[in-house]
PDB file of N, CA and C in Angstrom:
ATOM      1  N   MET A   1     -11.494   9.618  94.665  1.00  0.00           N
ATOM      2  CA  MET A   1     -10.566  10.300  93.761  1.00  0.00           C
ATOM      3  C   MET A   1      -9.132   9.856  94.096  1.00  0.00           C
ATOM      4  N   LYS A   2      -8.417   9.431  93.084  1.00  0.00           N
ATOM      5  CA  LYS A   2      -7.053   8.954  93.272  1.00  0.00           C
ATOM      6  C   LYS A   2      -6.092  10.136  93.283  1.00  0.00           C
ATOM      7  N   LYS A   3      -5.225  10.170  94.281  1.00  0.00           N
ATOM      8  CA  LYS A   3      -4.243  11.248  94.396  1.00  0.00           C
ATOM      9  C   LYS A   3      -2.971  10.861  93.643  1.00  0.00           C
ATOM     10  N   GLU A   4      -2.506  11.730  92.771  1.00  0.00           N
ATOM     11  CA  GLU A   4      -1.274  11.496  92.016  1.00  0.00           C
ATOM     12  C   GLU A   4      -0.073  11.655  92.950  1.00  0.00           C
ATOM     13  N   PRO A   5       0.945  10.811  92.816  1.00  0.00           N
ATOM     14  CA  PRO A   5       2.133  10.942  93.678  1.00  0.00           C
ATOM     15  C   PRO A   5       2.940  12.185  93.302  1.00  0.00           C
ATOM     16  N   LYS A   6       3.500  12.797  94.297  1.00  0.00           N
ATOM     17  CA  LYS A   6       4.364  13.961  94.094  1.00  0.00           C
ATOM     18  C   LYS A   6       5.816  13.493  94.045  1.00  0.00           C
ATOM     19  N   ILE A   7       6.668  14.251  93.380  1.00  0.00           N
ATOM     20  CA  ILE A   7       8.066  13.867  93.206  1.00  0.00           C
ATOM     21  C   ILE A   7       8.758  13.580  94.545  1.00  0.00           C
ATOM     22  N   PRO A   8       8.617  14.437  95.565  1.00  0.00           N
ATOM     23  CA  PRO A   8       9.290  14.124  96.839  1.00  0.00           C
ATOM     24  C   PRO A   8       8.844  12.784  97.437  1.00  0.00           C
ATOM     25  N   ASP A   9       7.586  12.416  97.251  1.00  0.00           N
ATOM     26  CA  ASP A   9       7.098  11.138  97.767  1.00  0.00           C
ATOM     27  C   ASP A   9       7.735   9.964  97.025  1.00  0.00           C
ATOM     28  N   VAL A  10       7.853  10.073  95.727  1.00  0.00           N
ATOM     29  CA  VAL A  10       8.457   9.013  94.917  1.00  0.00           C
ATOM     30  C   VAL A  10       9.942   8.885  95.239  1.00  0.00           C
ATOM     31  N   VAL A  11      10.638  10.012  95.359  1.00  0.00           N
ATOM     32  CA  VAL A  11      12.064  10.017  95.683  1.00  0.00           C
ATOM     33  C   VAL A  11      12.298   9.326  97.023  1.00  0.00           C
ATOM     34  N   GLU A  12      11.488   9.669  98.011  1.00  0.00           N
ATOM     35  CA  GLU A  12      11.637   9.064  99.330  1.00  0.00           C
ATOM     36  C   GLU A  12      11.378   7.561  99.275  1.00  0.00           C
ATOM     37  N   ALA A  13      10.357   7.154  98.541  1.00  0.00           N
ATOM     38  CA  ALA A  13      10.018   5.737  98.438  1.00  0.00           C
ATOM     39  C   ALA A  13      11.127   4.940  97.751  1.00  0.00           C
ATOM     40  N   MET A  14      11.843   5.588  96.825  1.00  0.00           N
ATOM     41  CA  MET A  14      12.907   4.890  96.093  1.00  0.00           C
ATOM     42  C   MET A  14      14.264   4.996  96.791  1.00  0.00           C
ATOM     43  N   GLY A  15      14.335   5.806  97.848  1.00  0.00           N
ATOM     44  CA  GLY A  15      15.595   5.953  98.579  1.00  0.00           C
ATOM     45  C   GLY A  15      16.626   6.785  97.854  1.00  0.00           C
ATOM     46  N   VAL A  16      16.180   7.697  97.015  1.00  0.00           N
ATOM     47  CA  VAL A  16      17.077   8.553  96.236  1.00  0.00           C
ATOM     48  C   VAL A  16      17.160   9.925  96.912  1.00  0.00           C
ATOM     49  N   ARG A  17      18.340  10.528  96.886  1.00  0.00           N
ATOM     50  CA  ARG A  17      18.517  11.858  97.460  1.00  0.00           C
ATOM     51  C   ARG A  17      17.983  12.900  96.472  1.00  0.00           C
ATOM     52  N   SER A  18      17.234  13.851  96.992  1.00  0.00           N
ATOM     53  CA  SER A  18      16.742  14.927  96.134  1.00  0.00           C
ATOM     54  C   SER A  18      17.386  16.237  96.566  1.00  0.00           C
ATOM     55  N   ILE A  19      17.501  17.170  95.616  1.00  0.00           N
ATOM     56  CA  ILE A  19      18.037  18.497  95.905  1.00  0.00           C
ATOM     57  C   ILE A  19      17.124  19.527  95.286  1.00  0.00           C
ATOM     58  N   ASN A  20      17.151  20.722  95.844  1.00  0.00           N
ATOM     59  CA  ASN A  20      16.345  21.798  95.279  1.00  0.00           C
ATOM     60  C   ASN A  20      17.152  22.527  94.190  1.00  0.00           C
ATOM     61  N   LEU A  21      16.526  23.472  93.547  1.00  0.00           N
ATOM     62  CA  LEU A  21      17.166  24.160  92.421  1.00  0.00           C
ATOM     63  C   LEU A  21      18.426  24.896  92.857  1.00  0.00           C
ATOM     64  N   ARG A  22      18.406  25.528  94.017  1.00  0.00           N
ATOM     65  CA  ARG A  22      19.579  26.256  94.508  1.00  0.00           C
ATOM     66  C   ARG A  22      20.747  25.295  94.740  1.00  0.00           C
ATOM     67  N   GLU A  23      20.463  24.150  95.349  1.00  0.00           N
ATOM     68  CA  GLU A  23      21.506  23.160  95.585  1.00  0.00           C
ATOM     69  C   GLU A  23      22.072  22.633  94.270  1.00  0.00           C
ATOM     70  N   PHE A  24      21.223  22.490  93.269  1.00  0.00           N
ATOM     71  CA  PHE A  24      21.667  22.035  91.956  1.00  0.00           C
ATOM     72  C   PHE A  24      22.665  23.019  91.346  1.00  0.00           C
ATOM     73  N   TYR A  25      22.313  24.308  91.363  1.00  0.00           N
ATOM     74  CA  TYR A  25      23.209  25.311  90.795  1.00  0.00           C
ATOM     75  C   TYR A  25      24.507  25.422  91.586  1.00  0.00           C
ATOM     76  N   ASP A  26      24.423  25.317  92.916  1.00  0.00           N
ATOM     77  CA  ASP A  26      25.635  25.357  93.732  1.00  0.00           C
ATOM     78  C   ASP A  26      26.548  24.184  93.391  1.00  0.00           C
ATOM     79  N   ALA A  27      25.977  23.004  93.214  1.00  0.00           N
ATOM     80  CA  ALA A  27      26.767  21.804  92.915  1.00  0.00           C
ATOM     81  C   ALA A  27      27.363  21.855  91.518  1.00  0.00           C
ATOM     82  N   SER A  28      26.662  22.470  90.570  1.00  0.00           N
ATOM     83  CA  SER A  28      27.155  22.505  89.192  1.00  0.00           C
ATOM     84  C   SER A  28      28.227  23.565  88.988  1.00  0.00           C
ATOM     85  N   GLY A  29      28.261  24.571  89.858  1.00  0.00           N
ATOM     86  CA  GLY A  29      29.251  25.634  89.739  1.00  0.00           C
ATOM     87  C   GLY A  29      28.917  26.646  88.661  1.00  0.00           C
ATOM     88  N   ASP A  30      27.728  26.562  88.070  1.00  0.00           N
ATOM     89  CA  ASP A  30      27.344  27.480  87.001  1.00  0.00           C
ATOM     90  C   ASP A  30      26.639  28.740  87.490  1.00  0.00           C
ATOM     91  N   LEU A  31      26.400  28.837  88.789  1.00  0.00           N
ATOM     92  CA  LEU A  31      25.699  30.002  89.323  1.00  0.00           C
ATOM     93  C   LEU A  31      26.689  31.147  89.486  1.00  0.00           C
ATOM     94  N   ILE A  32      26.389  32.283  88.899  1.00  0.00           N
ATOM     95  CA  ILE A  32      27.253  33.452  88.985  1.00  0.00           C
ATOM     96  C   ILE A  32      26.715  34.358  90.083  1.00  0.00           C
ATOM     97  N   PRO A  33      27.487  34.592  91.162  1.00  0.00           N
ATOM     98  CA  PRO A  33      26.989  35.466  92.227  1.00  0.00           C
ATOM     99  C   PRO A  33      26.885  36.900  91.734  1.00  0.00           C
ATOM    100  N   LEU A  34      25.761  37.514  91.999  1.00  0.00           N
ATOM    101  CA  LEU A  34      25.529  38.907  91.632  1.00  0.00           C
ATOM    102  C   LEU A  34      25.225  39.712  92.880  1.00  0.00           C
ATOM    103  N   PRO A  35      25.592  40.998  92.895  1.00  0.00           N
ATOM    104  CA  PRO A  35      25.266  41.817  94.062  1.00  0.00           C
ATOM    105  C   PRO A  35      23.767  41.984  94.200  1.00  0.00           C
ATOM    106  N   TYR A  36      23.308  42.149  95.423  1.00  0.00           N
ATOM    107  CA  TYR A  36      21.869  42.338  95.680  1.00  0.00           C
ATOM    108  C   TYR A  36      21.650  43.786  96.045  1.00  0.00           C
ATOM    109  N   PRO A  37      20.644  44.442  95.602  1.00  0.00           N
ATOM    110  CA  PRO A  37      19.635  43.964  94.671  1.00  0.00           C
ATOM    111  C   PRO A  37      20.142  43.992  93.229  1.00  0.00           C
ATOM    112  N   ILE A  38      19.625  43.089  92.443  1.00  0.00           N
ATOM    113  CA  ILE A  38      20.000  43.035  91.033  1.00  0.00           C
ATOM    114  C   ILE A  38      19.328  44.200  90.308  1.00  0.00           C
ATOM    115  N   ARG A  39      20.108  44.954  89.600  1.00  0.00           N
ATOM    116  CA  ARG A  39      19.562  46.104  88.878  1.00  0.00           C
ATOM    117  C   ARG A  39      19.641  45.845  87.385  1.00  0.00           C
ATOM    118  N   PRO A  40      18.574  46.129  86.684  1.00  0.00           N
ATOM    119  CA  PRO A  40      18.599  45.902  85.231  1.00  0.00           C
ATOM    120  C   PRO A  40      19.587  46.823  84.544  1.00  0.00           C
ATOM    121  N   THR A  41      20.257  46.316  83.530  1.00  0.00           N
ATOM    122  CA  THR A  41      21.172  47.149  82.753  1.00  0.00           C
ATOM    123  C   THR A  41      20.397  47.806  81.631  1.00  0.00           C
ATOM    124  N   LEU A  42      20.624  49.073  81.458  1.00  0.00           N
ATOM    125  CA  LEU A  42      19.916  49.824  80.404  1.00  0.00           C
ATOM    126  C   LEU A  42      20.854  50.237  79.314  1.00  0.00           C
TER     127      LEU A  42
END
């Protein structure tokens, strides 16, 4: 059975830097900090 490559494996093989979703939002500046715990507005 042939194993499909995973994104982190391909990124590493190509020498490209990868980031997780949190790092992406931090870098884009679009993440709005909210107090914890988040409470639904009614």
